[in-house]
Amino acid sequence: MKDFAAIDFETANGERSSVCSVGLVIVRNGEICDSFYSLIKPEPNYYTWFCQRVHGLGHEDTDSAPIFPEVWKQIEPKIEGLTLVAHNSPFDEGCLKAVFQTYCMTYPDYEFKCTCQAARKFFGYKLPNHQLHTVSEACGYILENHHHALADAEACAAIAMKIL
């Protein structure tokens, strides 16, 4: 794949609609040409201890952040016509569908590809696991800020450029 958008969401709690940040990396002709990051006021707007421990975000970060439809207005033109790529895409696709439903937005049936699934096929048992940081390192990309949505999207893009 030479043209795609790598996307990653972080959530505030166990609800898929509770996206609190998004990272996006646009790849065209096999080169990163754009990126985008935003905090998002989650819906429902509460944080679980576990999620905060994973990504470090909380109310102090997102209470004044824009809601999802405002953020998506910025993302939508960037990804028009592109396949979306995510590491463990069922999670990110599920988040996107859930937040679209929460805000009564029409979901345009984005095509998703999964770098985790692709890594299982590509690397097989050569890796100890197929987690984002492990696979990205095997592809020559060192993920330094795991669970920051933009850093994770950058790692996902690096994987996709290598094995998709």
N, C-alpha and C. Protein backbone atom coordinates (compact mmCIF):
# COMPACT_ATOMS: atom_id res chain seq x y z
N MET A 1 0.84 -1.19 0.00
CA MET A 1 0.00 0.00 0.00
C MET A 1 0.88 1.25 0.00
N LYS A 2 0.56 2.15 -0.87
CA LYS A 2 1.33 3.40 -0.95
C LYS A 2 0.55 4.60 -0.44
N ASP A 3 -0.79 4.49 -0.40
CA ASP A 3 -1.65 5.59 0.06
C ASP A 3 -2.61 5.07 1.12
N PHE A 4 -2.52 5.64 2.31
CA PHE A 4 -3.41 5.24 3.40
C PHE A 4 -3.31 6.25 4.53
N ALA A 5 -4.17 6.08 5.52
CA ALA A 5 -4.13 6.90 6.72
C ALA A 5 -4.06 5.97 7.93
N ALA A 6 -2.99 6.08 8.70
CA ALA A 6 -2.87 5.32 9.94
C ALA A 6 -3.56 6.12 11.04
N ILE A 7 -4.40 5.44 11.82
CA ILE A 7 -5.20 6.14 12.83
C ILE A 7 -5.13 5.38 14.16
N ASP A 8 -5.16 6.14 15.24
CA ASP A 8 -5.16 5.53 16.57
C ASP A 8 -6.01 6.37 17.51
N PHE A 9 -6.83 5.69 18.29
CA PHE A 9 -7.65 6.35 19.30
C PHE A 9 -7.23 5.89 20.68
N GLU A 10 -7.33 6.78 21.65
CA GLU A 10 -7.24 6.43 23.07
C GLU A 10 -8.62 6.71 23.66
N THR A 11 -9.02 5.89 24.62
CA THR A 11 -10.34 6.05 25.22
C THR A 11 -10.23 6.37 26.71
N ALA A 12 -11.26 7.05 27.21
CA ALA A 12 -11.28 7.48 28.61
C ALA A 12 -11.75 6.38 29.55
N ASN A 13 -12.54 5.47 29.02
CA ASN A 13 -13.12 4.41 29.85
C ASN A 13 -13.42 3.21 28.96
N GLY A 14 -14.19 2.27 29.45
CA GLY A 14 -14.49 1.05 28.71
C GLY A 14 -15.47 1.21 27.56
N GLU A 15 -16.07 2.36 27.44
CA GLU A 15 -17.00 2.62 26.34
C GLU A 15 -16.21 3.01 25.10
N ARG A 16 -16.47 2.33 24.00
CA ARG A 16 -15.74 2.63 22.76
C ARG A 16 -15.96 4.07 22.29
N SER A 17 -17.09 4.64 22.64
CA SER A 17 -17.39 6.02 22.22
C SER A 17 -16.60 7.07 22.99
N SER A 18 -15.88 6.65 24.01
CA SER A 18 -15.21 7.60 24.91
C SER A 18 -13.83 8.03 24.40
N VAL A 19 -13.70 8.22 23.09
CA VAL A 19 -12.40 8.62 22.56
C VAL A 19 -11.98 9.95 23.18
N CYS A 20 -10.75 9.99 23.67
CA CYS A 20 -10.25 11.20 24.32
C CYS A 20 -9.05 11.78 23.58
N SER A 21 -8.53 11.03 22.61
CA SER A 21 -7.49 11.57 21.73
C SER A 21 -7.45 10.74 20.45
N VAL A 22 -6.97 11.40 19.40
CA VAL A 22 -6.82 10.74 18.11
C VAL A 22 -5.49 11.17 17.50
N GLY A 23 -4.83 10.21 16.89
CA GLY A 23 -3.62 10.47 16.11
C GLY A 23 -3.83 9.96 14.71
N LEU A 24 -3.34 10.71 13.73
CA LEU A 24 -3.55 10.37 12.33
C LEU A 24 -2.26 10.66 11.56
N VAL A 25 -1.86 9.74 10.72
CA VAL A 25 -0.69 9.92 9.86
C VAL A 25 -1.12 9.59 8.43
N ILE A 26 -0.94 10.54 7.53
CA ILE A 26 -1.32 10.37 6.13
C ILE A 26 -0.09 9.95 5.34
N VAL A 27 -0.22 8.88 4.57
CA VAL A 27 0.86 8.39 3.72
C VAL A 27 0.37 8.42 2.27
N ARG A 28 1.14 9.08 1.43
CA ARG A 28 0.84 9.13 -0.01
C ARG A 28 2.13 8.81 -0.77
N ASN A 29 1.98 7.96 -1.77
CA ASN A 29 3.14 7.52 -2.56
C ASN A 29 4.24 6.94 -1.67
N GLY A 30 3.83 6.25 -0.60
CA GLY A 30 4.78 5.60 0.28
C GLY A 30 5.55 6.51 1.21
N GLU A 31 5.14 7.78 1.30
CA GLU A 31 5.82 8.75 2.15
C GLU A 31 4.83 9.42 3.09
N ILE A 32 5.24 9.65 4.32
CA ILE A 32 4.40 10.41 5.26
C ILE A 32 4.34 11.84 4.77
N CYS A 33 3.13 12.34 4.56
CA CYS A 33 2.98 13.71 4.04
C CYS A 33 2.21 14.62 4.99
N ASP A 34 1.55 14.05 6.00
CA ASP A 34 0.77 14.88 6.92
C ASP A 34 0.52 14.08 8.19
N SER A 35 0.30 14.79 9.28
CA SER A 35 -0.11 14.16 10.53
C SER A 35 -1.04 15.11 11.28
N PHE A 36 -1.78 14.53 12.20
CA PHE A 36 -2.77 15.31 12.94
C PHE A 36 -2.93 14.66 14.31
N TYR A 37 -3.07 15.51 15.33
CA TYR A 37 -3.34 15.02 16.69
C TYR A 37 -4.31 15.96 17.36
N SER A 38 -5.23 15.40 18.11
CA SER A 38 -6.13 16.24 18.89
C SER A 38 -6.60 15.50 20.13
N LEU A 39 -6.72 16.26 21.19
CA LEU A 39 -7.45 15.79 22.36
C LEU A 39 -8.93 15.93 22.03
N ILE A 40 -9.76 15.12 22.66
CA ILE A 40 -11.21 15.13 22.42
C ILE A 40 -11.91 15.01 23.78
N LYS A 41 -12.94 15.80 23.97
CA LYS A 41 -13.76 15.65 25.18
C LYS A 41 -14.57 14.36 25.02
N PRO A 42 -14.33 13.37 25.88
CA PRO A 42 -14.96 12.06 25.67
C PRO A 42 -16.45 12.04 25.99
N GLU A 43 -17.12 11.06 25.41
CA GLU A 43 -18.54 10.83 25.69
C GLU A 43 -18.73 9.32 25.84
N PRO A 44 -19.08 8.81 27.01
CA PRO A 44 -19.35 9.56 28.23
C PRO A 44 -18.06 10.13 28.83
N ASN A 45 -18.23 11.25 29.53
CA ASN A 45 -17.09 12.02 30.01
C ASN A 45 -16.69 11.62 31.43
N TYR A 46 -16.09 10.44 31.53
CA TYR A 46 -15.46 10.03 32.79
C TYR A 46 -14.26 9.15 32.45
N TYR A 47 -13.30 9.13 33.34
CA TYR A 47 -12.07 8.37 33.14
C TYR A 47 -11.99 7.24 34.15
N THR A 48 -11.61 6.07 33.69
CA THR A 48 -11.33 4.97 34.61
C THR A 48 -9.85 5.02 34.97
N TRP A 49 -9.55 4.49 36.13
CA TRP A 49 -8.18 4.44 36.60
C TRP A 49 -7.29 3.70 35.59
N PHE A 50 -7.78 2.59 35.07
CA PHE A 50 -6.98 1.79 34.14
C PHE A 50 -6.62 2.58 32.89
N CYS A 51 -7.59 3.23 32.27
CA CYS A 51 -7.32 3.98 31.04
C CYS A 51 -6.36 5.14 31.31
N GLN A 52 -6.56 5.82 32.42
CA GLN A 52 -5.64 6.92 32.75
C GLN A 52 -4.22 6.40 32.94
N ARG A 53 -4.10 5.24 33.54
CA ARG A 53 -2.78 4.65 33.75
C ARG A 53 -2.12 4.29 32.43
N VAL A 54 -2.91 3.87 31.45
CA VAL A 54 -2.36 3.48 30.15
C VAL A 54 -1.84 4.70 29.38
N HIS A 55 -2.68 5.74 29.24
CA HIS A 55 -2.28 6.86 28.37
C HIS A 55 -1.98 8.16 29.10
N GLY A 56 -2.29 8.24 30.37
CA GLY A 56 -1.92 9.42 31.15
C GLY A 56 -2.85 10.62 31.00
N LEU A 57 -3.93 10.47 30.25
CA LEU A 57 -4.86 11.59 30.06
C LEU A 57 -5.96 11.57 31.11
N GLY A 58 -6.50 12.75 31.42
CA GLY A 58 -7.59 12.87 32.38
C GLY A 58 -8.41 14.11 32.09
N HIS A 59 -9.34 14.39 32.99
CA HIS A 59 -10.23 15.55 32.82
C HIS A 59 -9.46 16.85 32.59
N GLU A 60 -8.36 17.01 33.30
CA GLU A 60 -7.59 18.26 33.16
C GLU A 60 -7.07 18.45 31.74
N ASP A 61 -6.97 17.37 30.99
CA ASP A 61 -6.49 17.45 29.61
C ASP A 61 -7.62 17.68 28.62
N THR A 62 -8.81 17.15 28.90
CA THR A 62 -9.84 17.12 27.86
C THR A 62 -11.12 17.90 28.17
N ASP A 63 -11.27 18.41 29.38
CA ASP A 63 -12.53 19.12 29.69
C ASP A 63 -12.76 20.33 28.79
N SER A 64 -11.70 20.96 28.31
CA SER A 64 -11.88 22.10 27.41
C SER A 64 -11.57 21.73 25.96
N ALA A 65 -11.38 20.45 25.68
CA ALA A 65 -11.10 19.98 24.32
C ALA A 65 -12.38 19.98 23.49
N PRO A 66 -12.24 20.00 22.17
CA PRO A 66 -13.44 19.94 21.32
C PRO A 66 -14.09 18.57 21.39
N ILE A 67 -15.39 18.52 21.08
CA ILE A 67 -16.08 17.23 21.00
C ILE A 67 -15.76 16.58 19.66
N PHE A 68 -16.05 15.30 19.56
CA PHE A 68 -15.66 14.52 18.40
C PHE A 68 -16.10 15.10 17.06
N PRO A 69 -17.36 15.51 16.88
CA PRO A 69 -17.74 16.03 15.56
C PRO A 69 -16.89 17.21 15.09
N GLU A 70 -16.46 18.05 16.02
CA GLU A 70 -15.60 19.18 15.66
C GLU A 70 -14.23 18.70 15.19
N VAL A 71 -13.71 17.70 15.84
CA VAL A 71 -12.40 17.15 15.46
C VAL A 71 -12.51 16.42 14.13
N TRP A 72 -13.60 15.67 13.96
CA TRP A 72 -13.75 14.88 12.74
C TRP A 72 -13.88 15.78 11.50
N LYS A 73 -14.42 16.96 11.66
CA LYS A 73 -14.49 17.91 10.53
C LYS A 73 -13.11 18.24 10.00
N GLN A 74 -12.11 18.20 10.87
CA GLN A 74 -10.73 18.46 10.45
C GLN A 74 -10.09 17.22 9.82
N ILE A 75 -10.48 16.05 10.30
CA ILE A 75 -9.88 14.80 9.83
C ILE A 75 -10.48 14.36 8.50
N GLU A 76 -11.77 14.48 8.37
CA GLU A 76 -12.49 13.92 7.21
C GLU A 76 -11.88 14.30 5.86
N PRO A 77 -11.56 15.56 5.59
CA PRO A 77 -10.97 15.86 4.28
C PRO A 77 -9.58 15.27 4.09
N LYS A 78 -8.85 15.05 5.17
CA LYS A 78 -7.50 14.49 5.08
C LYS A 78 -7.52 13.03 4.66
N ILE A 79 -8.58 12.30 5.03
CA ILE A 79 -8.62 10.86 4.78
C ILE A 79 -9.52 10.47 3.61
N GLU A 80 -10.08 11.44 2.94
CA GLU A 80 -11.01 11.15 1.84
C GLU A 80 -10.35 10.23 0.81
N GLY A 81 -11.02 9.11 0.54
CA GLY A 81 -10.55 8.16 -0.45
C GLY A 81 -9.45 7.24 0.01
N LEU A 82 -9.02 7.35 1.27
CA LEU A 82 -7.92 6.53 1.77
C LEU A 82 -8.43 5.36 2.61
N THR A 83 -7.71 4.25 2.56
CA THR A 83 -7.94 3.15 3.49
C THR A 83 -7.38 3.56 4.84
N LEU A 84 -8.10 3.22 5.90
CA LEU A 84 -7.62 3.48 7.26
C LEU A 84 -6.88 2.24 7.75
N VAL A 85 -5.75 2.47 8.39
CA VAL A 85 -4.91 1.40 8.90
C VAL A 85 -4.73 1.61 10.40
N ALA A 86 -4.88 0.54 11.16
CA ALA A 86 -4.72 0.63 12.60
C ALA A 86 -4.11 -0.68 13.11
N HIS A 87 -3.39 -0.60 14.22
CA HIS A 87 -2.85 -1.80 14.86
C HIS A 87 -3.93 -2.30 15.81
N ASN A 88 -4.44 -3.49 15.53
CA ASN A 88 -5.64 -4.02 16.18
C ASN A 88 -6.85 -3.20 15.73
N SER A 89 -7.06 -3.18 14.44
CA SER A 89 -8.10 -2.33 13.84
C SER A 89 -9.50 -2.58 14.38
N PRO A 90 -9.87 -3.79 14.83
CA PRO A 90 -11.23 -3.91 15.38
C PRO A 90 -11.49 -2.94 16.53
N PHE A 91 -10.46 -2.64 17.33
CA PHE A 91 -10.64 -1.67 18.42
C PHE A 91 -10.90 -0.28 17.85
N ASP A 92 -10.01 0.20 16.98
CA ASP A 92 -10.11 1.57 16.46
C ASP A 92 -11.35 1.74 15.58
N GLU A 93 -11.65 0.74 14.77
CA GLU A 93 -12.86 0.80 13.95
C GLU A 93 -14.10 0.80 14.85
N GLY A 94 -14.07 0.00 15.91
CA GLY A 94 -15.18 -0.02 16.86
C GLY A 94 -15.37 1.32 17.54
N CYS A 95 -14.25 1.97 17.90
CA CYS A 95 -14.34 3.30 18.50
C CYS A 95 -14.96 4.28 17.52
N LEU A 96 -14.51 4.25 16.29
CA LEU A 96 -15.01 5.19 15.29
C LEU A 96 -16.50 4.99 15.05
N LYS A 97 -16.93 3.75 14.92
CA LYS A 97 -18.36 3.48 14.71
C LYS A 97 -19.18 3.90 15.93
N ALA A 98 -18.66 3.63 17.12
CA ALA A 98 -19.40 3.97 18.34
C ALA A 98 -19.55 5.47 18.52
N VAL A 99 -18.50 6.23 18.26
CA VAL A 99 -18.57 7.67 18.45
C VAL A 99 -19.42 8.32 17.36
N PHE A 100 -19.40 7.77 16.15
CA PHE A 100 -20.31 8.24 15.10
C PHE A 100 -21.76 8.03 15.55
N GLN A 101 -22.05 6.86 16.11
CA GLN A 101 -23.41 6.56 16.58
C GLN A 101 -23.80 7.48 17.74
N THR A 102 -22.89 7.69 18.66
CA THR A 102 -23.17 8.55 19.81
C THR A 102 -23.60 9.95 19.38
N TYR A 103 -22.96 10.47 18.35
CA TYR A 103 -23.26 11.83 17.89
C TYR A 103 -24.23 11.84 16.69
N CYS A 104 -24.89 10.70 16.45
CA CYS A 104 -25.89 10.58 15.37
C CYS A 104 -25.33 11.04 14.03
N MET A 105 -24.09 10.66 13.76
CA MET A 105 -23.43 10.98 12.50
C MET A 105 -23.55 9.76 11.58
N THR A 106 -23.66 9.99 10.29
CA THR A 106 -23.74 8.90 9.32
C THR A 106 -22.34 8.34 9.09
N TYR A 107 -22.18 7.05 9.36
CA TYR A 107 -20.88 6.40 9.20
C TYR A 107 -20.68 6.01 7.73
N PRO A 108 -19.58 6.45 7.12
CA PRO A 108 -19.39 6.22 5.69
C PRO A 108 -18.71 4.90 5.31
N ASP A 109 -18.72 3.90 6.17
CA ASP A 109 -18.13 2.59 5.87
C ASP A 109 -16.68 2.68 5.40
N TYR A 110 -15.85 3.25 6.25
CA TYR A 110 -14.43 3.32 5.95
C TYR A 110 -13.85 1.91 5.84
N GLU A 111 -12.93 1.73 4.92
CA GLU A 111 -12.22 0.46 4.80
C GLU A 111 -11.05 0.49 5.76
N PHE A 112 -10.93 -0.56 6.58
CA PHE A 112 -9.84 -0.68 7.55
C PHE A 112 -8.95 -1.86 7.20
N LYS A 113 -7.65 -1.69 7.42
CA LYS A 113 -6.67 -2.77 7.36
C LYS A 113 -6.00 -2.83 8.73
N CYS A 114 -5.64 -4.04 9.14
CA CYS A 114 -5.07 -4.24 10.47
C CYS A 114 -3.59 -4.63 10.39
N THR A 115 -2.72 -3.80 10.95
CA THR A 115 -1.30 -4.12 10.94
C THR A 115 -0.95 -5.24 11.92
N CYS A 116 -1.76 -5.44 12.95
CA CYS A 116 -1.51 -6.54 13.87
C CYS A 116 -1.76 -7.88 13.16
N GLN A 117 -2.87 -7.96 12.47
CA GLN A 117 -3.18 -9.18 11.71
C GLN A 117 -2.13 -9.40 10.62
N ALA A 118 -1.74 -8.35 9.93
CA ALA A 118 -0.72 -8.46 8.88
C ALA A 118 0.61 -8.91 9.47
N ALA A 119 0.94 -8.41 10.66
CA ALA A 119 2.20 -8.79 11.31
C ALA A 119 2.20 -10.26 11.69
N ARG A 120 1.06 -10.78 12.12
CA ARG A 120 0.98 -12.21 12.45
C ARG A 120 1.30 -13.06 11.22
N LYS A 121 0.79 -12.65 10.07
CA LYS A 121 1.07 -13.38 8.83
C LYS A 121 2.51 -13.18 8.39
N PHE A 122 2.99 -11.95 8.47
CA PHE A 122 4.32 -11.60 7.95
C PHE A 122 5.43 -12.18 8.82
N PHE A 123 5.33 -12.03 10.14
CA PHE A 123 6.39 -12.45 11.04
C PHE A 123 6.15 -13.83 11.65
N GLY A 124 4.90 -14.27 11.72
CA GLY A 124 4.60 -15.56 12.33
C GLY A 124 5.13 -15.64 13.75
N TYR A 125 5.87 -16.71 14.02
CA TYR A 125 6.40 -16.94 15.37
C TYR A 125 7.79 -16.35 15.57
N LYS A 126 8.26 -15.54 14.64
CA LYS A 126 9.59 -14.94 14.75
C LYS A 126 9.66 -13.88 15.84
N LEU A 127 8.49 -13.35 16.24
CA LEU A 127 8.45 -12.32 17.28
C LEU A 127 7.85 -12.92 18.56
N PRO A 128 8.22 -12.39 19.73
CA PRO A 128 7.66 -12.91 20.98
C PRO A 128 6.16 -12.58 21.13
N ASN A 129 5.72 -11.50 20.47
CA ASN A 129 4.31 -11.11 20.46
C ASN A 129 4.11 -10.18 19.27
N HIS A 130 2.90 -9.77 19.07
CA HIS A 130 2.59 -8.90 17.94
C HIS A 130 2.03 -7.56 18.41
N GLN A 131 2.48 -7.13 19.57
CA GLN A 131 2.08 -5.83 20.10
C GLN A 131 2.74 -4.72 19.27
N LEU A 132 2.14 -3.55 19.32
CA LEU A 132 2.58 -2.44 18.48
C LEU A 132 4.07 -2.15 18.63
N HIS A 133 4.55 -2.03 19.86
CA HIS A 133 5.96 -1.68 20.05
C HIS A 133 6.90 -2.78 19.55
N THR A 134 6.50 -4.02 19.69
CA THR A 134 7.32 -5.15 19.24
C THR A 134 7.40 -5.19 17.72
N VAL A 135 6.24 -5.06 17.07
CA VAL A 135 6.19 -5.13 15.61
C VAL A 135 6.87 -3.91 14.98
N SER A 136 6.63 -2.74 15.56
CA SER A 136 7.26 -1.54 14.99
C SER A 136 8.79 -1.64 15.08
N GLU A 137 9.30 -2.16 16.17
CA GLU A 137 10.75 -2.33 16.30
C GLU A 137 11.27 -3.32 15.26
N ALA A 138 10.53 -4.40 15.03
CA ALA A 138 10.93 -5.38 14.01
C ALA A 138 10.92 -4.77 12.61
N CYS A 139 10.14 -3.71 12.43
CA CYS A 139 10.07 -3.00 11.15
C CYS A 139 11.04 -1.83 11.09
N GLY A 140 11.86 -1.67 12.13
CA GLY A 140 12.88 -0.62 12.13
C GLY A 140 12.43 0.70 12.71
N TYR A 141 11.30 0.72 13.40
CA TYR A 141 10.79 1.96 14.00
C TYR A 141 10.74 1.78 15.51
N ILE A 142 11.37 2.66 16.25
CA ILE A 142 11.35 2.59 17.71
C ILE A 142 10.23 3.49 18.23
N LEU A 143 9.27 2.88 18.89
CA LEU A 143 8.13 3.60 19.46
C LEU A 143 8.52 4.08 20.85
N GLU A 144 8.66 5.39 21.00
CA GLU A 144 9.14 5.94 22.27
C GLU A 144 8.04 6.45 23.19
N ASN A 145 6.88 6.74 22.68
CA ASN A 145 5.81 7.30 23.51
C ASN A 145 4.53 6.49 23.34
N HIS A 146 4.64 5.19 23.62
CA HIS A 146 3.52 4.26 23.43
C HIS A 146 2.28 4.76 24.18
N HIS A 147 1.14 4.64 23.54
CA HIS A 147 -0.18 5.05 24.03
C HIS A 147 -0.42 6.56 23.94
N HIS A 148 0.46 7.26 23.25
CA HIS A 148 0.12 8.61 22.78
C HIS A 148 -0.42 8.38 21.38
N ALA A 149 -1.62 8.85 21.09
CA ALA A 149 -2.30 8.49 19.85
C ALA A 149 -1.48 8.81 18.60
N LEU A 150 -0.79 9.93 18.57
CA LEU A 150 -0.01 10.25 17.38
C LEU A 150 1.22 9.35 17.28
N ALA A 151 1.89 9.10 18.38
CA ALA A 151 3.05 8.20 18.35
C ALA A 151 2.64 6.81 17.89
N ASP A 152 1.50 6.33 18.37
CA ASP A 152 1.03 5.01 17.96
C ASP A 152 0.64 5.00 16.49
N ALA A 153 0.03 6.08 15.99
CA ALA A 153 -0.31 6.16 14.56
C ALA A 153 0.96 6.20 13.71
N GLU A 154 2.00 6.88 14.18
CA GLU A 154 3.27 6.91 13.45
C GLU A 154 3.88 5.51 13.38
N ALA A 155 3.85 4.78 14.48
CA ALA A 155 4.37 3.41 14.50
C ALA A 155 3.56 2.52 13.57
N CYS A 156 2.26 2.68 13.60
CA CYS A 156 1.39 1.90 12.72
C CYS A 156 1.71 2.21 11.25
N ALA A 157 1.91 3.46 10.92
CA ALA A 157 2.27 3.84 9.55
C ALA A 157 3.58 3.20 9.13
N ALA A 158 4.57 3.18 10.03
CA ALA A 158 5.86 2.58 9.73
C ALA A 158 5.71 1.08 9.44
N ILE A 159 4.87 0.42 10.24
CA ILE A 159 4.60 -1.01 10.02
C ILE A 159 3.93 -1.21 8.67
N ALA A 160 2.90 -0.44 8.42
CA ALA A 160 2.14 -0.59 7.17
C ALA A 160 3.02 -0.37 5.95
N MET A 161 3.90 0.63 6.01
CA MET A 161 4.79 0.90 4.88
C MET A 161 5.75 -0.26 4.65
N LYS A 162 6.07 -0.99 5.70
CA LYS A 162 7.02 -2.10 5.60
C LYS A 162 6.35 -3.41 5.16
N ILE A 163 5.15 -3.71 5.70
CA ILE A 163 4.62 -5.07 5.46
C ILE A 163 3.28 -5.13 4.72
N LEU A 164 2.64 -4.01 4.49
CA LEU A 164 1.37 -4.06 3.75
C LEU A 164 1.61 -3.80 2.27
